[in-house]
Amino acid sequence: MKIDDRVSNYMALLNSETDKPAVKPGDVSGSHTAPPAVEVDLSSAAVQRAEDDARRDRLNIIRQQLAEGSYNISGKDVADKMLNVLKG
């Protein structure tokens, strides 16, 4: 099993995502106004959107680390995942 092929496929998948995170409140430089109030919506669609946003943020962090060459994966974690896949 070639790890390089899987990493290449993963990188292609990450690069193919077109969704980019929206500008978050407070990210706009020069703005001295208070951030807008946060409204909480507990509907299943809102929860799904929040989970999608959190996933997108994690992926963007990983993309940045991969680009910088600072993303490290534990060999033990890789071995555990491989064993779990083989176990089914």
Foldseek 3Di string as FASTA:
>chain_A
DDPVVVVVVVLVVLVPDPDDDDDDFPNDPPDPDDTDDDDDDPDPVVVVVVVVNVVNVVSVVVNVCVVVVNDDDDPVVVVVVVVVVVVD
